[in-house]
N, C-alpha and C. Protein backbone atom coordinates (compact mmCIF):
# COMPACT_ATOMS: atom_id res chain seq x y z
N MET A 1 -83.51 -41.89 38.56
CA MET A 1 -82.19 -41.95 38.51
C MET A 1 -81.41 -40.96 40.68
N MET A 2 -81.30 -41.66 41.34
CA MET A 2 -80.56 -42.06 42.77
C MET A 2 -79.56 -40.17 41.90
N VAL A 3 -79.75 -39.66 43.23
CA VAL A 3 -79.06 -38.47 43.10
C VAL A 3 -77.87 -38.19 44.63
N PRO A 4 -77.11 -38.38 44.30
CA PRO A 4 -75.50 -37.88 45.13
C PRO A 4 -75.70 -37.26 45.81
N VAL A 5 -74.43 -37.78 46.99
CA VAL A 5 -75.14 -36.12 47.62
C VAL A 5 -74.12 -35.94 48.73
N ASN A 6 -72.70 -35.22 47.91
CA ASN A 6 -71.32 -35.05 48.65
C ASN A 6 -70.69 -36.31 48.35
N GLY A 7 -71.26 -37.06 47.70
CA GLY A 7 -70.76 -38.01 46.33
C GLY A 7 -70.74 -39.34 47.45
N ILE A 8 -72.13 -39.07 47.97
CA ILE A 8 -72.56 -40.58 48.50
C ILE A 8 -73.69 -41.29 48.65
N PRO A 9 -74.70 -41.75 47.03
CA PRO A 9 -75.16 -42.41 47.25
C PRO A 9 -75.85 -42.62 47.89
N SER A 10 -77.78 -41.87 47.70
CA SER A 10 -79.03 -41.99 48.83
C SER A 10 -79.41 -43.88 48.44
N PRO A 11 -79.07 -43.68 50.28
CA PRO A 11 -80.15 -44.56 50.08
C PRO A 11 -81.90 -45.66 50.13
N GLY A 12 -82.60 -43.63 49.68
CA GLY A 12 -84.06 -44.28 49.15
C GLY A 12 -83.99 -43.80 48.07
N ARG A 13 -85.24 -43.18 47.54
CA ARG A 13 -86.13 -42.96 46.49
C ARG A 13 -86.16 -41.51 46.17
N TYR A 14 -86.88 -41.82 48.07
CA TYR A 14 -88.27 -40.05 48.41
C TYR A 14 -87.09 -40.03 49.24
N HIS A 15 -86.60 -38.37 49.31
CA HIS A 15 -86.47 -37.37 49.89
C HIS A 15 -86.58 -36.59 51.19
N LEU A 16 -86.22 -36.45 51.95
CA LEU A 16 -87.03 -35.14 53.06
C LEU A 16 -85.78 -34.17 52.85
N LEU A 17 -86.04 -32.88 53.36
CA LEU A 17 -84.84 -32.03 52.88
C LEU A 17 -85.91 -30.81 53.97
N LEU A 18 -84.43 -30.74 55.45
CA LEU A 18 -85.58 -29.52 56.24
C LEU A 18 -84.22 -29.36 56.20
N THR A 19 -84.62 -27.62 56.23
CA THR A 19 -83.77 -25.83 56.26
C THR A 19 -84.15 -25.30 56.89
N ALA A 20 -83.72 -25.15 57.82
CA ALA A 20 -84.00 -23.55 58.30
C ALA A 20 -83.56 -22.38 58.35
N ASP A 21 -84.11 -20.74 57.67
CA ASP A 21 -83.89 -20.26 56.89
C ASP A 21 -82.92 -20.06 55.97
N GLY A 22 -83.47 -21.10 55.21
CA GLY A 22 -82.64 -21.77 53.61
C GLY A 22 -80.99 -22.26 54.25
N LEU A 23 -80.95 -22.17 55.01
CA LEU A 23 -79.74 -23.62 55.39
C LEU A 23 -80.53 -25.15 55.37
N PRO A 24 -79.74 -25.94 54.89
CA PRO A 24 -80.05 -27.00 55.33
C PRO A 24 -79.65 -27.74 56.16
N VAL A 25 -80.58 -28.22 56.78
CA VAL A 25 -80.40 -29.20 58.11
C VAL A 25 -80.81 -30.51 58.82
N GLN A 26 -81.00 -30.65 57.93
CA GLN A 26 -81.40 -32.09 58.46
C GLN A 26 -81.88 -33.24 56.90
N HIS A 27 -81.50 -33.84 56.36
CA HIS A 27 -81.98 -34.88 55.02
C HIS A 27 -82.27 -36.23 56.28
N GLY A 28 -83.08 -36.45 55.34
CA GLY A 28 -83.98 -37.94 55.31
C GLY A 28 -83.97 -38.87 54.10
N TRP A 29 -83.98 -40.39 53.84
CA TRP A 29 -84.42 -40.48 52.21
C TRP A 29 -85.24 -42.73 52.98
N TRP A 30 -86.36 -42.82 52.12
CA TRP A 30 -86.93 -43.57 52.78
C TRP A 30 -86.90 -43.56 50.90
N ARG A 31 -86.81 -45.87 50.86
CA ARG A 31 -87.65 -46.34 50.07
C ARG A 31 -89.60 -46.24 49.45
N SER A 32 -90.23 -46.47 51.18
CA SER A 32 -91.14 -46.46 51.16
C SER A 32 -91.73 -44.96 50.55
N GLU A 33 -92.52 -44.77 50.02
CA GLU A 33 -92.83 -43.04 49.94
C GLU A 33 -94.14 -43.15 51.67
N ALA A 34 -95.01 -44.30 51.52
CA ALA A 34 -95.78 -44.32 52.65
C ALA A 34 -94.69 -43.37 53.92
N THR A 35 -93.87 -44.83 53.74
CA THR A 35 -92.92 -44.40 55.66
C THR A 35 -92.08 -42.21 55.24
N ALA A 36 -92.29 -41.89 54.27
CA ALA A 36 -91.41 -41.19 53.86
C ALA A 36 -92.41 -39.63 54.71
N ARG A 37 -94.19 -40.29 53.78
CA ARG A 37 -94.64 -39.07 53.82
C ARG A 37 -94.84 -38.81 55.45
N ARG A 38 -95.08 -39.79 56.95
CA ARG A 38 -94.88 -40.12 57.72
C ARG A 38 -93.62 -39.20 58.38
N LYS A 39 -92.64 -39.62 57.38
CA LYS A 39 -91.75 -39.05 58.60
C LYS A 39 -92.22 -37.72 58.38
N LEU A 40 -92.87 -36.60 56.38
CA LEU A 40 -92.82 -35.91 57.06
C LEU A 40 -94.06 -34.64 57.56
N ALA A 41 -95.11 -36.15 58.03
CA ALA A 41 -95.90 -34.73 59.48
C ALA A 41 -94.75 -35.22 60.83
N ALA A 42 -93.97 -36.16 61.09
CA ALA A 42 -93.52 -36.72 62.49
C ALA A 42 -92.40 -34.76 62.08
N TRP A 43 -92.24 -34.92 61.19
CA TRP A 43 -90.89 -33.46 61.04
C TRP A 43 -91.86 -31.95 60.92
N ILE A 44 -92.78 -32.13 60.42
CA ILE A 44 -93.53 -30.73 60.61
C ILE A 44 -93.64 -31.09 61.98
N GLY A 45 -94.77 -31.53 63.04
CA GLY A 45 -94.33 -31.24 64.77
C GLY A 45 -93.50 -31.24 65.08
N ASP A 46 -92.58 -31.73 64.65
CA ASP A 46 -90.77 -31.48 65.68
C ASP A 46 -90.56 -30.27 64.97
N TRP A 47 -90.85 -30.39 63.69
CA TRP A 47 -89.32 -29.19 63.62
C TRP A 47 -90.08 -27.42 62.86
N GLY A 48 -91.82 -27.78 62.85
CA GLY A 48 -92.25 -26.62 61.87
C GLY A 48 -92.82 -25.43 62.52
N ARG A 49 -92.01 -24.09 62.12
CA ARG A 49 -91.63 -22.98 62.94
C ARG A 49 -91.58 -22.49 62.07
N PRO A 50 -91.19 -21.13 62.03
CA PRO A 50 -91.50 -20.21 61.32
C PRO A 50 -89.92 -20.11 60.59
N GLY A 51 -89.80 -19.80 59.46
CA GLY A 51 -87.73 -19.84 59.00
C GLY A 51 -88.06 -21.24 58.50
N ALA A 52 -88.68 -22.35 58.97
CA ALA A 52 -88.35 -23.30 58.55
C ALA A 52 -89.28 -23.99 57.19
N ARG A 53 -88.34 -24.62 56.35
CA ARG A 53 -88.87 -25.54 54.60
C ARG A 53 -88.34 -26.92 55.23
N ILE A 54 -90.14 -27.79 54.83
CA ILE A 54 -89.81 -29.12 54.77
C ILE A 54 -90.42 -29.80 52.89
N THR A 55 -88.68 -30.19 52.70
CA THR A 55 -89.71 -30.93 51.29
C THR A 55 -89.22 -32.24 51.07
N LEU A 56 -90.41 -32.40 50.49
CA LEU A 56 -90.93 -34.73 49.98
C LEU A 56 -90.64 -34.52 48.55
N THR A 57 -89.13 -34.60 48.25
CA THR A 57 -88.94 -35.41 46.74
C THR A 57 -89.04 -36.44 46.48
N ASP A 58 -89.25 -37.74 45.04
CA ASP A 58 -88.75 -38.25 44.25
C ASP A 58 -88.39 -38.08 43.30
N GLU A 59 -87.13 -38.67 44.51
CA GLU A 59 -85.35 -38.41 43.49
C GLU A 59 -85.58 -38.88 42.38
N GLU A 60 -86.26 -40.33 42.19
CA GLU A 60 -85.72 -40.90 40.60
C GLU A 60 -86.94 -40.09 39.39
N THR A 61 -87.31 -39.34 40.04
CA THR A 61 -88.09 -38.82 38.17
C THR A 61 -88.24 -37.27 38.78
N GLY A 62 -87.39 -36.49 40.13
CA GLY A 62 -87.66 -34.72 40.51
C GLY A 62 -88.32 -34.48 40.23
N GLU A 63 -89.71 -34.72 41.10
CA GLU A 63 -90.71 -34.56 41.26
C GLU A 63 -91.44 -33.82 43.26
N GLN A 64 -91.54 -33.20 43.36
CA GLN A 64 -91.43 -32.47 44.40
C GLN A 64 -92.94 -33.11 45.03
N LEU A 65 -93.59 -33.61 45.87
CA LEU A 65 -94.47 -34.66 46.29
C LEU A 65 -95.20 -33.49 47.33
N ALA A 66 -94.40 -33.04 48.47
CA ALA A 66 -94.71 -32.25 49.48
C ALA A 66 -93.95 -31.11 49.68
N VAL A 67 -94.82 -30.57 50.37
CA VAL A 67 -93.05 -28.53 50.87
C VAL A 67 -94.65 -28.76 52.29
N TRP A 68 -93.92 -28.40 53.37
CA TRP A 68 -93.90 -27.37 54.17
C TRP A 68 -93.40 -25.93 54.78
N PRO A 69 -94.53 -25.65 54.92
CA PRO A 69 -95.79 -24.54 54.84
C PRO A 69 -96.13 -25.04 53.20
N ASP A 70 -97.93 -25.11 52.48
CA ASP A 70 -98.17 -24.11 51.64
C ASP A 70 -97.75 -23.29 51.38
N GLU A 71 -97.19 -23.10 49.86
CA GLU A 71 -96.01 -22.65 49.55
C GLU A 71 -97.66 -21.67 48.29
N ALA A 72 -99.38 -22.64 47.99
CA ALA A 72 -100.16 -22.39 47.75
C ALA A 72 -100.52 -20.11 47.87
N PRO A 73 -100.83 -19.75 47.33
CA PRO A 73 -100.94 -18.04 48.07
C PRO A 73 -102.12 -18.42 47.94
N THR A 74 -102.84 -17.57 49.13
CA THR A 74 -103.47 -18.25 50.42
C THR A 74 -104.32 -16.26 49.54
N ALA A 75 -105.50 -15.32 49.65
CA ALA A 75 -106.50 -14.40 49.49
C ALA A 75 -106.31 -13.97 50.65
N VAL A 76 -105.98 -12.51 50.62
CA VAL A 76 -105.74 -11.93 52.67
C VAL A 76 -106.98 -11.00 51.96
N GLY A 77 -108.15 -10.56 53.47
CA GLY A 77 -109.10 -10.96 53.30
C GLY A 77 -109.35 -8.75 52.65
N GLY A 78 -110.36 -9.41 52.65
CA GLY A 78 -111.62 -7.60 52.81
C GLY A 78 -112.35 -7.33 51.30
N GLY A 79 -113.33 -6.40 51.22
CA GLY A 79 -114.12 -6.36 50.23
C GLY A 79 -115.67 -6.83 51.04
N SER A 80 -116.31 -6.64 49.62
CA SER A 80 -117.48 -7.51 50.28
C SER A 80 -118.54 -7.06 49.77
């Protein structure tokens, strides 16, 4: 199910959202997941900086397909 934003139906299934310091800056929707993933890579190159977050969501299923920066916990060095 496509989710309207501000009462306007989204034009595609795959939604990119760029936020800066928690505020929405830019949205984009594509019908093709491959196209959306290419745009994700381009947005990371153009907008990837501290405080930025980019998410790719399948609007039909609600599944978050990708997020930048990667939110997986990382091990902090130390110990022998």
